Amino acid sequence: MLEFWYSDQCSRQLKLMVCIATCVIIYLCSTVQQLSPMLTGISVGIGMGIHVLRALSLKIAADNPYKKGFAILFFVIPIIALITLISALPAQHQLMLAIQAIGFTAIGLFILAGFPKRSLDEN
């Protein structure tokens, strides 16, 4: 899924629609119970970390014998971080809070994933 998000096939309009839909879902879930600001910041940080880990994985040479191991590691680390965050959520309305946490993680990824293209388009 990330490969499609970073590819040229995924247009700006599609990315904008996904961002808006994500924000709407977060808003609807927050009408039940809001995610705390600290957990929101952690969620956004996880999303930004996903982008950074992807950028690091692209810098590893294709002939590196550890490339596959790093790819697995870069895939597992964000999942473990998100599962740990979701398990730390309060039990009341945990589903709504988990949806918000996943949404804010996506927003963190969307924020950083848009910068490389934007800087190229402005030149």
PDB file of N, CA and C in Angstrom:
ATOM      1  N   MET A   1       0.817  -1.185   0.000  1.00  0.00           N
ATOM      2  CA  MET A   1       0.000   0.000   0.000  1.00  0.00           C
ATOM      3  C   MET A   1       0.869   1.260   0.000  1.00  0.00           C
ATOM      4  N   LEU A   2       1.957   1.212   0.754  1.00  0.00           N
ATOM      5  CA  LEU A   2       2.849   2.369   0.767  1.00  0.00           C
ATOM      6  C   LEU A   2       3.484   2.606  -0.593  1.00  0.00           C
ATOM      7  N   GLU A   3       3.767   1.535  -1.298  1.00  0.00           N
ATOM      8  CA  GLU A   3       4.373   1.693  -2.620  1.00  0.00           C
ATOM      9  C   GLU A   3       3.439   2.459  -3.548  1.00  0.00           C
ATOM     10  N   PHE A   4       2.134   2.176  -3.475  1.00  0.00           N
ATOM     11  CA  PHE A   4       1.170   2.911  -4.287  1.00  0.00           C
ATOM     12  C   PHE A   4       1.103   4.363  -3.848  1.00  0.00           C
ATOM     13  N   TRP A   5       1.119   4.608  -2.542  1.00  0.00           N
ATOM     14  CA  TRP A   5       1.025   5.971  -2.024  1.00  0.00           C
ATOM     15  C   TRP A   5       2.194   6.829  -2.515  1.00  0.00           C
ATOM     16  N   TYR A   6       3.388   6.244  -2.594  1.00  0.00           N
ATOM     17  CA  TYR A   6       4.570   6.976  -3.014  1.00  0.00           C
ATOM     18  C   TYR A   6       4.771   6.961  -4.529  1.00  0.00           C
ATOM     19  N   SER A   7       3.986   6.182  -5.252  1.00  0.00           N
ATOM     20  CA  SER A   7       4.174   6.094  -6.700  1.00  0.00           C
ATOM     21  C   SER A   7       3.539   7.278  -7.417  1.00  0.00           C
ATOM     22  N   ASP A   8       3.873   7.417  -8.690  1.00  0.00           N
ATOM     23  CA  ASP A   8       3.293   8.479  -9.508  1.00  0.00           C
ATOM     24  C   ASP A   8       1.852   8.171  -9.895  1.00  0.00           C
ATOM     25  N   GLN A   9       1.426   6.921  -9.746  1.00  0.00           N
ATOM     26  CA  GLN A   9       0.048   6.551 -10.057  1.00  0.00           C
ATOM     27  C   GLN A   9      -0.940   7.176  -9.084  1.00  0.00           C
ATOM     28  N   CYS A  10      -0.503   7.454  -7.877  1.00  0.00           N
ATOM     29  CA  CYS A  10      -1.361   8.058  -6.859  1.00  0.00           C
ATOM     30  C   CYS A  10      -1.316   9.573  -7.044  1.00  0.00           C
ATOM     31  N   SER A  11      -2.383  10.127  -7.579  1.00  0.00           N
ATOM     32  CA  SER A  11      -2.416  11.553  -7.898  1.00  0.00           C
ATOM     33  C   SER A  11      -2.604  12.399  -6.643  1.00  0.00           C
ATOM     34  N   ARG A  12      -2.363  13.688  -6.792  1.00  0.00           N
ATOM     35  CA  ARG A  12      -2.560  14.621  -5.681  1.00  0.00           C
ATOM     36  C   ARG A  12      -4.018  14.649  -5.243  1.00  0.00           C
ATOM     37  N   GLN A  13      -4.927  14.558  -6.231  1.00  0.00           N
ATOM     38  CA  GLN A  13      -6.355  14.588  -5.915  1.00  0.00           C
ATOM     39  C   GLN A  13      -6.742  13.386  -5.068  1.00  0.00           C
ATOM     40  N   LEU A  14      -6.228  12.224  -5.404  1.00  0.00           N
ATOM     41  CA  LEU A  14      -6.528  11.018  -4.631  1.00  0.00           C
ATOM     42  C   LEU A  14      -5.961  11.140  -3.217  1.00  0.00           C
ATOM     43  N   LYS A  15      -4.750  11.646  -3.112  1.00  0.00           N
ATOM     44  CA  LYS A  15      -4.139  11.833  -1.797  1.00  0.00           C
ATOM     45  C   LYS A  15      -4.949  12.816  -0.968  1.00  0.00           C
ATOM     46  N   LEU A  16      -5.421  13.891  -1.596  1.00  0.00           N
ATOM     47  CA  LEU A  16      -6.234  14.871  -0.883  1.00  0.00           C
ATOM     48  C   LEU A  16      -7.549  14.247  -0.413  1.00  0.00           C
ATOM     49  N   MET A  17      -8.178  13.458  -1.267  1.00  0.00           N
ATOM     50  CA  MET A  17      -9.433  12.810  -0.876  1.00  0.00           C
ATOM     51  C   MET A  17      -9.217  11.847   0.285  1.00  0.00           C
ATOM     52  N   VAL A  18      -8.125  11.095   0.265  1.00  0.00           N
ATOM     53  CA  VAL A  18      -7.826  10.162   1.357  1.00  0.00           C
ATOM     54  C   VAL A  18      -7.563  10.937   2.651  1.00  0.00           C
ATOM     55  N   CYS A  19      -6.843  12.050   2.562  1.00  0.00           N
ATOM     56  CA  CYS A  19      -6.581  12.872   3.753  1.00  0.00           C
ATOM     57  C   CYS A  19      -7.876  13.436   4.326  1.00  0.00           C
ATOM     58  N   ILE A  20      -8.752  13.926   3.466  1.00  0.00           N
ATOM     59  CA  ILE A  20     -10.023  14.483   3.934  1.00  0.00           C
ATOM     60  C   ILE A  20     -10.878  13.386   4.560  1.00  0.00           C
ATOM     61  N   ALA A  21     -10.947  12.222   3.911  1.00  0.00           N
ATOM     62  CA  ALA A  21     -11.731  11.108   4.461  1.00  0.00           C
ATOM     63  C   ALA A  21     -11.180  10.677   5.814  1.00  0.00           C
ATOM     64  N   THR A  22      -9.864  10.652   5.954  1.00  0.00           N
ATOM     65  CA  THR A  22      -9.250  10.294   7.225  1.00  0.00           C
ATOM     66  C   THR A  22      -9.610  11.304   8.312  1.00  0.00           C
ATOM     67  N   CYS A  23      -9.565  12.576   7.970  1.00  0.00           N
ATOM     68  CA  CYS A  23      -9.935  13.616   8.942  1.00  0.00           C
ATOM     69  C   CYS A  23     -11.404  13.516   9.339  1.00  0.00           C
ATOM     70  N   VAL A  24     -12.280  13.210   8.392  1.00  0.00           N
ATOM     71  CA  VAL A  24     -13.706  13.058   8.697  1.00  0.00           C
ATOM     72  C   VAL A  24     -13.920  11.871   9.636  1.00  0.00           C
ATOM     73  N   ILE A  25     -13.256  10.773   9.369  1.00  0.00           N
ATOM     74  CA  ILE A  25     -13.382   9.594  10.237  1.00  0.00           C
ATOM     75  C   ILE A  25     -12.877   9.908  11.643  1.00  0.00           C
ATOM     76  N   ILE A  26     -11.748  10.605  11.736  1.00  0.00           N
ATOM     77  CA  ILE A  26     -11.220  10.993  13.044  1.00  0.00           C
ATOM     78  C   ILE A  26     -12.222  11.884  13.767  1.00  0.00           C
ATOM     79  N   TYR A  27     -12.797  12.846  13.051  1.00  0.00           N
ATOM     80  CA  TYR A  27     -13.765  13.756  13.674  1.00  0.00           C
ATOM     81  C   TYR A  27     -14.993  13.000  14.174  1.00  0.00           C
ATOM     82  N   LEU A  28     -15.514  12.095  13.352  1.00  0.00           N
ATOM     83  CA  LEU A  28     -16.704  11.346  13.760  1.00  0.00           C
ATOM     84  C   LEU A  28     -16.425  10.490  14.992  1.00  0.00           C
ATOM     85  N   CYS A  29     -15.267   9.879  15.045  1.00  0.00           N
ATOM     86  CA  CYS A  29     -14.913   9.070  16.220  1.00  0.00           C
ATOM     87  C   CYS A  29     -14.679   9.950  17.444  1.00  0.00           C
ATOM     88  N   SER A  30     -14.187  11.161  17.232  1.00  0.00           N
ATOM     89  CA  SER A  30     -13.913  12.039  18.372  1.00  0.00           C
ATOM     90  C   SER A  30     -15.188  12.596  18.986  1.00  0.00           C
ATOM     91  N   THR A  31     -16.318  12.496  18.286  1.00  0.00           N
ATOM     92  CA  THR A  31     -17.577  12.939  18.890  1.00  0.00           C
ATOM     93  C   THR A  31     -18.010  11.991  20.006  1.00  0.00           C
ATOM     94  N   VAL A  32     -17.531  10.742  19.958  1.00  0.00           N
ATOM     95  CA  VAL A  32     -17.828   9.779  21.019  1.00  0.00           C
ATOM     96  C   VAL A  32     -16.878  10.002  22.191  1.00  0.00           C
ATOM     97  N   GLN A  33     -15.565   9.985  21.913  1.00  0.00           N
ATOM     98  CA  GLN A  33     -14.543  10.267  22.925  1.00  0.00           C
ATOM     99  C   GLN A  33     -13.275  10.702  22.209  1.00  0.00           C
ATOM    100  N   GLN A  34     -12.664  11.761  22.702  1.00  0.00           N
ATOM    101  CA  GLN A  34     -11.459  12.287  22.069  1.00  0.00           C
ATOM    102  C   GLN A  34     -10.208  11.582  22.572  1.00  0.00           C
ATOM    103  N   LEU A  35      -9.290  11.385  21.658  1.00  0.00           N
ATOM    104  CA  LEU A  35      -7.974  10.856  22.003  1.00  0.00           C
ATOM    105  C   LEU A  35      -7.191  11.964  22.709  1.00  0.00           C
ATOM    106  N   SER A  36      -6.464  11.622  23.743  1.00  0.00           N
ATOM    107  CA  SER A  36      -5.714  12.635  24.494  1.00  0.00           C
ATOM    108  C   SER A  36      -4.634  13.253  23.595  1.00  0.00           C
ATOM    109  N   PRO A  37      -4.259  14.502  23.868  1.00  0.00           N
ATOM    110  CA  PRO A  37      -3.228  15.158  23.053  1.00  0.00           C
ATOM    111  C   PRO A  37      -1.899  14.403  23.041  1.00  0.00           C
ATOM    112  N   MET A  38      -1.532  13.798  24.166  1.00  0.00           N
ATOM    113  CA  MET A  38      -0.273  13.059  24.217  1.00  0.00           C
ATOM    114  C   MET A  38      -0.323  11.844  23.285  1.00  0.00           C
ATOM    115  N   LEU A  39      -1.417  11.093  23.337  1.00  0.00           N
ATOM    116  CA  LEU A  39      -1.548   9.920  22.466  1.00  0.00           C
ATOM    117  C   LEU A  39      -1.688  10.331  21.000  1.00  0.00           C
ATOM    118  N   THR A  40      -2.293  11.484  20.758  1.00  0.00           N
ATOM    119  CA  THR A  40      -2.379  12.005  19.397  1.00  0.00           C
ATOM    120  C   THR A  40      -0.983  12.304  18.863  1.00  0.00           C
ATOM    121  N   GLY A  41      -0.168  12.948  19.671  1.00  0.00           N
ATOM    122  CA  GLY A  41       1.207  13.252  19.270  1.00  0.00           C
ATOM    123  C   GLY A  41       2.028  11.998  19.027  1.00  0.00           C
ATOM    124  N   ILE A  42       1.839  10.998  19.864  1.00  0.00           N
ATOM    125  CA  ILE A  42       2.551   9.730  19.674  1.00  0.00           C
ATOM    126  C   ILE A  42       2.111   9.075  18.369  1.00  0.00           C
ATOM    127  N   SER A  43       0.815   9.124  18.084  1.00  0.00           N
ATOM    128  CA  SER A  43       0.286   8.529  16.848  1.00  0.00           C
ATOM    129  C   SER A  43       0.867   9.225  15.624  1.00  0.00           C
ATOM    130  N   VAL A  44       0.884  10.556  15.639  1.00  0.00           N
ATOM    131  CA  VAL A  44       1.457  11.301  14.514  1.00  0.00           C
ATOM    132  C   VAL A  44       2.945  10.976  14.383  1.00  0.00           C
ATOM    133  N   GLY A  45       3.628  10.855  15.508  1.00  0.00           N
ATOM    134  CA  GLY A  45       5.047  10.492  15.493  1.00  0.00           C
ATOM    135  C   GLY A  45       5.292   9.115  14.894  1.00  0.00           C
ATOM    136  N   ILE A  46       4.402   8.171  15.179  1.00  0.00           N
ATOM    137  CA  ILE A  46       4.533   6.830  14.582  1.00  0.00           C
ATOM    138  C   ILE A  46       4.385   6.933  13.064  1.00  0.00           C
ATOM    139  N   GLY A  47       3.418   7.731  12.622  1.00  0.00           N
ATOM    140  CA  GLY A  47       3.234   7.910  11.177  1.00  0.00           C
ATOM    141  C   GLY A  47       4.447   8.532  10.518  1.00  0.00           C
ATOM    142  N   MET A  48       5.030   9.523  11.170  1.00  0.00           N
ATOM    143  CA  MET A  48       6.239  10.147  10.632  1.00  0.00           C
ATOM    144  C   MET A  48       7.402   9.159  10.644  1.00  0.00           C
ATOM    145  N   GLY A  49       7.435   8.327  11.684  1.00  0.00           N
ATOM    146  CA  GLY A  49       8.472   7.306  11.760  1.00  0.00           C
ATOM    147  C   GLY A  49       8.371   6.295  10.629  1.00  0.00           C
ATOM    148  N   ILE A  50       7.147   5.976  10.224  1.00  0.00           N
ATOM    149  CA  ILE A  50       6.957   5.057   9.096  1.00  0.00           C
ATOM    150  C   ILE A  50       7.599   5.640   7.840  1.00  0.00           C
ATOM    151  N   HIS A  51       7.395   6.936   7.625  1.00  0.00           N
ATOM    152  CA  HIS A  51       7.997   7.581   6.451  1.00  0.00           C
ATOM    153  C   HIS A  51       9.529   7.556   6.542  1.00  0.00           C
ATOM    154  N   VAL A  52      10.061   7.856   7.717  1.00  0.00           N
ATOM    155  CA  VAL A  52      11.516   7.883   7.899  1.00  0.00           C
ATOM    156  C   VAL A  52      12.103   6.483   7.694  1.00  0.00           C
ATOM    157  N   LEU A  53      11.439   5.459   8.247  1.00  0.00           N
ATOM    158  CA  LEU A  53      11.935   4.089   8.075  1.00  0.00           C
ATOM    159  C   LEU A  53      11.897   3.672   6.610  1.00  0.00           C
ATOM    160  N   ARG A  54      10.869   4.087   5.882  1.00  0.00           N
ATOM    161  CA  ARG A  54      10.798   3.772   4.453  1.00  0.00           C
ATOM    162  C   ARG A  54      11.944   4.447   3.703  1.00  0.00           C
ATOM    163  N   ALA A  55      12.212   5.708   4.040  1.00  0.00           N
ATOM    164  CA  ALA A  55      13.311   6.420   3.393  1.00  0.00           C
ATOM    165  C   ALA A  55      14.650   5.741   3.690  1.00  0.00           C
ATOM    166  N   LEU A  56      14.824   5.288   4.921  1.00  0.00           N
ATOM    167  CA  LEU A  56      16.060   4.580   5.269  1.00  0.00           C
ATOM    168  C   LEU A  56      16.173   3.255   4.527  1.00  0.00           C
ATOM    169  N   SER A  57      15.053   2.552   4.382  1.00  0.00           N
ATOM    170  CA  SER A  57      15.107   1.260   3.696  1.00  0.00           C
ATOM    171  C   SER A  57      15.448   1.424   2.215  1.00  0.00           C
ATOM    172  N   LEU A  58      15.070   2.555   1.627  1.00  0.00           N
ATOM    173  CA  LEU A  58      15.401   2.796   0.221  1.00  0.00           C
ATOM    174  C   LEU A  58      16.880   3.104   0.030  1.00  0.00           C
ATOM    175  N   LYS A  59      17.560   3.538   1.090  1.00  0.00           N
ATOM    176  CA  LYS A  59      18.980   3.870   0.996  1.00  0.00           C
ATOM    177  C   LYS A  59      19.878   2.648   1.105  1.00  0.00           C
ATOM    178  N   ILE A  60      19.326   1.517   1.517  1.00  0.00           N
ATOM    179  CA  ILE A  60      20.131   0.302   1.635  1.00  0.00           C
ATOM    180  C   ILE A  60      20.345  -0.264   0.235  1.00  0.00           C
ATOM    181  N   ALA A  61      21.578  -0.565  -0.077  1.00  0.00           N
ATOM    182  CA  ALA A  61      21.917  -1.081  -1.407  1.00  0.00           C
ATOM    183  C   ALA A  61      21.206  -2.400  -1.673  1.00  0.00           C
ATOM    184  N   ALA A  62      20.833  -2.611  -2.924  1.00  0.00           N
ATOM    185  CA  ALA A  62      20.093  -3.817  -3.303  1.00  0.00           C
ATOM    186  C   ALA A  62      20.927  -5.083  -3.089  1.00  0.00           C
ATOM    187  N   ASP A  63      22.237  -4.968  -3.210  1.00  0.00           N
ATOM    188  CA  ASP A  63      23.093  -6.153  -3.049  1.00  0.00           C
ATOM    189  C   ASP A  63      23.516  -6.389  -1.601  1.00  0.00           C
ATOM    190  N   ASN A  64      23.035  -5.596  -0.684  1.00  0.00           N
ATOM    191  CA  ASN A  64      23.350  -5.763   0.731  1.00  0.00           C
ATOM    192  C   ASN A  64      22.698  -7.052   1.234  1.00  0.00           C
ATOM    193  N   PRO A  65      23.473  -7.940   1.871  1.00  0.00           N
ATOM    194  CA  PRO A  65      22.893  -9.204   2.329  1.00  0.00           C
ATOM    195  C   PRO A  65      21.849  -9.030   3.440  1.00  0.00           C
ATOM    196  N   TYR A  66      21.841  -7.900   4.100  1.00  0.00           N
ATOM    197  CA  TYR A  66      20.905  -7.664   5.189  1.00  0.00           C
ATOM    198  C   TYR A  66      19.661  -6.890   4.750  1.00  0.00           C
ATOM    199  N   LYS A  67      19.517  -6.613   3.461  1.00  0.00           N
ATOM    200  CA  LYS A  67      18.408  -5.800   2.979  1.00  0.00           C
ATOM    201  C   LYS A  67      17.056  -6.417   3.336  1.00  0.00           C
ATOM    202  N   LYS A  68      16.906  -7.717   3.152  1.00  0.00           N
ATOM    203  CA  LYS A  68      15.631  -8.361   3.452  1.00  0.00           C
ATOM    204  C   LYS A  68      15.337  -8.315   4.954  1.00  0.00           C
ATOM    205  N   GLY A  69      16.344  -8.511   5.770  1.00  0.00           N
ATOM    206  CA  GLY A  69      16.165  -8.429   7.217  1.00  0.00           C
ATOM    207  C   GLY A  69      15.755  -7.040   7.654  1.00  0.00           C
ATOM    208  N   PHE A  70      16.390  -6.011   7.069  1.00  0.00           N
ATOM    209  CA  PHE A  70      16.011  -4.641   7.389  1.00  0.00           C
ATOM    210  C   PHE A  70      14.594  -4.344   6.914  1.00  0.00           C
ATOM    211  N   ALA A  71      14.202  -4.870   5.755  1.00  0.00           N
ATOM    212  CA  ALA A  71      12.844  -4.650   5.252  1.00  0.00           C
ATOM    213  C   ALA A  71      11.815  -5.222   6.221  1.00  0.00           C
ATOM    214  N   ILE A  72      12.091  -6.403   6.741  1.00  0.00           N
ATOM    215  CA  ILE A  72      11.181  -7.008   7.723  1.00  0.00           C
ATOM    216  C   ILE A  72      11.165  -6.173   9.001  1.00  0.00           C
ATOM    217  N   LEU A  73      12.327  -5.752   9.442  1.00  0.00           N
ATOM    218  CA  LEU A  73      12.425  -4.940  10.656  1.00  0.00           C
ATOM    219  C   LEU A  73      11.682  -3.618  10.497  1.00  0.00           C
ATOM    220  N   PHE A  74      11.847  -2.962   9.355  1.00  0.00           N
ATOM    221  CA  PHE A  74      11.178  -1.686   9.116  1.00  0.00           C
ATOM    222  C   PHE A  74       9.665  -1.858   8.976  1.00  0.00           C
ATOM    223  N   PHE A  75       9.221  -3.052   8.638  1.00  0.00           N
ATOM    224  CA  PHE A  75       7.786  -3.333   8.557  1.00  0.00           C
ATOM    225  C   PHE A  75       7.212  -3.624   9.942  1.00  0.00           C
ATOM    226  N   VAL A  76       7.973  -4.326  10.761  1.00  0.00           N
ATOM    227  CA  VAL A  76       7.472  -4.783  12.056  1.00  0.00           C
ATOM    228  C   VAL A  76       7.498  -3.678  13.116  1.00  0.00           C
ATOM    229  N   ILE A  77       8.505  -2.822  13.103  1.00  0.00           N
ATOM    230  CA  ILE A  77       8.640  -1.790  14.139  1.00  0.00           C
ATOM    231  C   ILE A  77       7.400  -0.894  14.234  1.00  0.00           C
ATOM    232  N   PRO A  78       6.892  -0.328  13.126  1.00  0.00           N
ATOM    233  CA  PRO A  78       5.692   0.513  13.256  1.00  0.00           C
ATOM    234  C   PRO A  78       4.461  -0.260  13.722  1.00  0.00           C
ATOM    235  N   ILE A  79       4.335  -1.497  13.305  1.00  0.00           N
ATOM    236  CA  ILE A  79       3.185  -2.300  13.730  1.00  0.00           C
ATOM    237  C   ILE A  79       3.241  -2.541  15.236  1.00  0.00           C
ATOM    238  N   ILE A  80       4.411  -2.871  15.738  1.00  0.00           N
ATOM    239  CA  ILE A  80       4.565  -3.091  17.181  1.00  0.00           C
ATOM    240  C   ILE A  80       4.279  -1.796  17.942  1.00  0.00           C
ATOM    241  N   ALA A  81       4.760  -0.673  17.424  1.00  0.00           N
ATOM    242  CA  ALA A  81       4.514   0.617  18.086  1.00  0.00           C
ATOM    243  C   ALA A  81       3.023   0.931  18.121  1.00  0.00           C
ATOM    244  N   LEU A  82       2.329   0.686  17.029  1.00  0.00           N
ATOM    245  CA  LEU A  82       0.894   0.969  16.969  1.00  0.00           C
ATOM    246  C   LEU A  82       0.100   0.023  17.859  1.00  0.00           C
ATOM    247  N   ILE A  83       0.463  -1.242  17.885  1.00  0.00           N
ATOM    248  CA  ILE A  83      -0.217  -2.205  18.761  1.00  0.00           C
ATOM    249  C   ILE A  83       0.010  -1.839  20.229  1.00  0.00           C
ATOM    250  N   THR A  84       1.222  -1.430  20.556  1.00  0.00           N
ATOM    251  CA  THR A  84       1.513  -1.009  21.925  1.00  0.00           C
ATOM    252  C   THR A  84       0.686   0.214  22.296  1.00  0.00           C
ATOM    253  N   LEU A  85       0.578   1.163  21.375  1.00  0.00           N
ATOM    254  CA  LEU A  85      -0.232   2.362  21.635  1.00  0.00           C
ATOM    255  C   LEU A  85      -1.696   1.997  21.826  1.00  0.00           C
ATOM    256  N   ILE A  86      -2.226   1.146  20.976  1.00  0.00           N
ATOM    257  CA  ILE A  86      -3.638   0.751  21.075  1.00  0.00           C
ATOM    258  C   ILE A  86      -3.891  -0.009  22.373  1.00  0.00           C
ATOM    259  N   SER A  87      -2.942  -0.830  22.793  1.00  0.00           N
ATOM    260  CA  SER A  87      -3.134  -1.568  24.046  1.00  0.00           C
ATOM    261  C   SER A  87      -3.091  -0.656  25.265  1.00  0.00           C
ATOM    262  N   ALA A  88      -2.498   0.517  25.134  1.00  0.00           N
ATOM    263  CA  ALA A  88      -2.426   1.465  26.243  1.00  0.00           C
ATOM    264  C   ALA A  88      -3.651   2.380  26.320  1.00  0.00           C
ATOM    265  N   LEU A  89      -4.566   2.263  25.362  1.00  0.00           N
ATOM    266  CA  LEU A  89      -5.758   3.114  25.359  1.00  0.00           C
ATOM    267  C   LEU A  89      -6.706   2.711  26.477  1.00  0.00           C
ATOM    268  N   PRO A  90      -7.487   3.676  26.997  1.00  0.00           N
ATOM    269  CA  PRO A  90      -8.482   3.338  28.019  1.00  0.00           C
ATOM    270  C   PRO A  90      -9.518   2.353  27.474  1.00  0.00           C
ATOM    271  N   ALA A  91     -10.057   1.518  28.342  1.00  0.00           N
ATOM    272  CA  ALA A  91     -10.991   0.466  27.920  1.00  0.00           C
ATOM    273  C   ALA A  91     -12.319   1.035  27.421  1.00  0.00           C
ATOM    274  N   GLN A  92     -12.732   2.161  27.992  1.00  0.00           N
ATOM    275  CA  GLN A  92     -14.003   2.741  27.572  1.00  0.00           C
ATOM    276  C   GLN A  92     -13.839   3.371  26.186  1.00  0.00           C
ATOM    277  N   HIS A  93     -14.675   2.953  25.245  1.00  0.00           N
ATOM    278  CA  HIS A  93     -14.648   3.433  23.855  1.00  0.00           C
ATOM    279  C   HIS A  93     -13.296   3.166  23.192  1.00  0.00           C
ATOM    280  N   GLN A  94     -12.716   2.023  23.491  1.00  0.00           N
ATOM    281  CA  GLN A  94     -11.389   1.713  22.967  1.00  0.00           C
ATOM    282  C   GLN A  94     -11.379   1.630  21.441  1.00  0.00           C
ATOM    283  N   LEU A  95     -12.448   1.144  20.846  1.00  0.00           N
ATOM    284  CA  LEU A  95     -12.499   1.041  19.382  1.00  0.00           C
ATOM    285  C   LEU A  95     -12.438   2.423  18.741  1.00  0.00           C
ATOM    286  N   MET A  96     -13.194   3.370  19.258  1.00  0.00           N
ATOM    287  CA  MET A  96     -13.194   4.731  18.711  1.00  0.00           C
ATOM    288  C   MET A  96     -11.823   5.388  18.883  1.00  0.00           C
ATOM    289  N   LEU A  97     -11.198   5.153  20.016  1.00  0.00           N
ATOM    290  CA  LEU A  97      -9.875   5.708  20.264  1.00  0.00           C
ATOM    291  C   LEU A  97      -8.829   5.048  19.368  1.00  0.00           C
ATOM    292  N   ALA A  98      -8.968   3.736  19.134  1.00  0.00           N
ATOM    293  CA  ALA A  98      -8.025   3.031  18.259  1.00  0.00           C
ATOM    294  C   ALA A  98      -8.148   3.532  16.821  1.00  0.00           C
ATOM    295  N   ILE A  99      -9.371   3.772  16.370  1.00  0.00           N
ATOM    296  CA  ILE A  99      -9.568   4.315  15.019  1.00  0.00           C
ATOM    297  C   ILE A  99      -8.915   5.687  14.900  1.00  0.00           C
ATOM    298  N   GLN A 100      -9.066   6.507  15.935  1.00  0.00           N
ATOM    299  CA  GLN A 100      -8.424   7.822  15.928  1.00  0.00           C
ATOM    300  C   GLN A 100      -6.902   7.695  15.909  1.00  0.00           C
ATOM    301  N   ALA A 101      -6.370   6.773  16.695  1.00  0.00           N
ATOM    302  CA  ALA A 101      -4.916   6.583  16.735  1.00  0.00           C
ATOM    303  C   ALA A 101      -4.387   6.153  15.371  1.00  0.00           C
ATOM    304  N   ILE A 102      -5.084   5.239  14.727  1.00  0.00           N
ATOM    305  CA  ILE A 102      -4.672   4.797  13.391  1.00  0.00           C
ATOM    306  C   ILE A 102      -4.805   5.950  12.397  1.00  0.00           C
ATOM    307  N   GLY A 103      -5.875   6.726  12.531  1.00  0.00           N
ATOM    308  CA  GLY A 103      -6.071   7.874  11.642  1.00  0.00           C
ATOM    309  C   GLY A 103      -4.981   8.914  11.805  1.00  0.00           C
ATOM    310  N   PHE A 104      -4.612   9.222  13.046  1.00  0.00           N
ATOM    311  CA  PHE A 104      -3.545  10.198  13.264  1.00  0.00           C
ATOM    312  C   PHE A 104      -2.192   9.653  12.811  1.00  0.00           C
ATOM    313  N   THR A 105      -2.008   8.344  12.896  1.00  0.00           N
ATOM    314  CA  THR A 105      -0.788   7.741  12.351  1.00  0.00           C
ATOM    315  C   THR A 105      -0.741   7.962  10.846  1.00  0.00           C
ATOM    316  N   ALA A 106      -1.876   7.761  10.193  1.00  0.00           N
ATOM    317  CA  ALA A 106      -1.949   8.003   8.746  1.00  0.00           C
ATOM    318  C   ALA A 106      -1.687   9.472   8.423  1.00  0.00           C
ATOM    319  N   ILE A 107      -2.241  10.375   9.218  1.00  0.00           N
ATOM    320  CA  ILE A 107      -2.018  11.810   8.997  1.00  0.00           C
ATOM    321  C   ILE A 107      -0.525  12.143   9.124  1.00  0.00           C
ATOM    322  N   GLY A 108       0.152  11.561  10.104  1.00  0.00           N
ATOM    323  CA  GLY A 108       1.590  11.773  10.249  1.00  0.00           C
ATOM    324  C   GLY A 108       2.362  11.310   9.026  1.00  0.00           C
ATOM    325  N   LEU A 109       1.950  10.189   8.480  1.00  0.00           N
ATOM    326  CA  LEU A 109       2.576   9.689   7.251  1.00  0.00           C
ATOM    327  C   LEU A 109       2.257  10.618   6.088  1.00  0.00           C
ATOM    328  N   PHE A 110       1.004  11.050   5.982  1.00  0.00           N
ATOM    329  CA  PHE A 110       0.590  11.918   4.873  1.00  0.00           C
ATOM    330  C   PHE A 110       1.361  13.233   4.880  1.00  0.00           C
ATOM    331  N   ILE A 111       1.611  13.772   6.074  1.00  0.00           N
ATOM    332  CA  ILE A 111       2.308  15.056   6.179  1.00  0.00           C
ATOM    333  C   ILE A 111       3.702  14.961   5.571  1.00  0.00           C
ATOM    334  N   LEU A 112       4.453  13.951   5.972  1.00  0.00           N
ATOM    335  CA  LEU A 112       5.827  13.828   5.461  1.00  0.00           C
ATOM    336  C   LEU A 112       5.873  13.293   4.040  1.00  0.00           C
ATOM    337  N   ALA A 113       4.938  12.458   3.664  1.00  0.00           N
ATOM    338  CA  ALA A 113       4.965  11.878   2.325  1.00  0.00           C
ATOM    339  C   ALA A 113       4.686  12.931   1.258  1.00  0.00           C
ATOM    340  N   GLY A 114       4.050  14.025   1.619  1.00  0.00           N
ATOM    341  CA  GLY A 114       3.738  15.061   0.643  1.00  0.00           C
ATOM    342  C   GLY A 114       4.866  16.033   0.389  1.00  0.00           C
ATOM    343  N   PHE A 115       5.828  16.141   1.312  1.00  0.00           N
ATOM    344  CA  PHE A 115       6.870  17.124   1.168  1.00  0.00           C
ATOM    345  C   PHE A 115       7.812  16.889  -0.008  1.00  0.00           C
ATOM    346  N   PRO A 116       8.313  15.692  -0.267  1.00  0.00           N
ATOM    347  CA  PRO A 116       9.246  15.526  -1.386  1.00  0.00           C
ATOM    348  C   PRO A 116       8.615  15.917  -2.731  1.00  0.00           C
ATOM    349  N   LYS A 117       7.375  15.529  -2.965  1.00  0.00           N
ATOM    350  CA  LYS A 117       6.711  15.873  -4.214  1.00  0.00           C
ATOM    351  C   LYS A 117       6.456  17.372  -4.303  1.00  0.00           C
ATOM    352  N   ARG A 118       6.033  17.968  -3.199  1.00  0.00           N
ATOM    353  CA  ARG A 118       5.710  19.397  -3.207  1.00  0.00           C
ATOM    354  C   ARG A 118       6.939  20.222  -3.540  1.00  0.00           C
ATOM    355  N   SER A 119       8.094  19.865  -2.980  1.00  0.00           N
ATOM    356  CA  SER A 119       9.289  20.649  -3.241  1.00  0.00           C
ATOM    357  C   SER A 119       9.726  20.502  -4.695  1.00  0.00           C
ATOM    358  N   LEU A 120       9.481  19.359  -5.308  1.00  0.00           N
ATOM    359  CA  LEU A 120       9.828  19.174  -6.719  1.00  0.00           C
ATOM    360  C   LEU A 120       8.859  19.931  -7.623  1.00  0.00           C
ATOM    361  N   ASP A 121       7.583  19.998  -7.230  1.00  0.00           N
ATOM    362  CA  ASP A 121       6.591  20.660  -8.063  1.00  0.00           C
ATOM    363  C   ASP A 121       6.752  22.175  -8.067  1.00  0.00           C
ATOM    364  N   GLU A 122       7.296  22.751  -7.006  1.00  0.00           N
ATOM    365  CA  GLU A 122       7.424  24.193  -6.928  1.00  0.00           C
ATOM    366  C   GLU A 122       8.575  24.714  -7.767  1.00  0.00           C
ATOM    367  N   ASN A 123       9.577  23.878  -8.049  1.00  0.00           N
ATOM    368  CA  ASN A 123      10.755  24.332  -8.816  1.00  0.00           C
ATOM    369  C   ASN A 123      10.488  24.416 -10.266  1.00  0.00           C
TER     370      ASN A 123
END
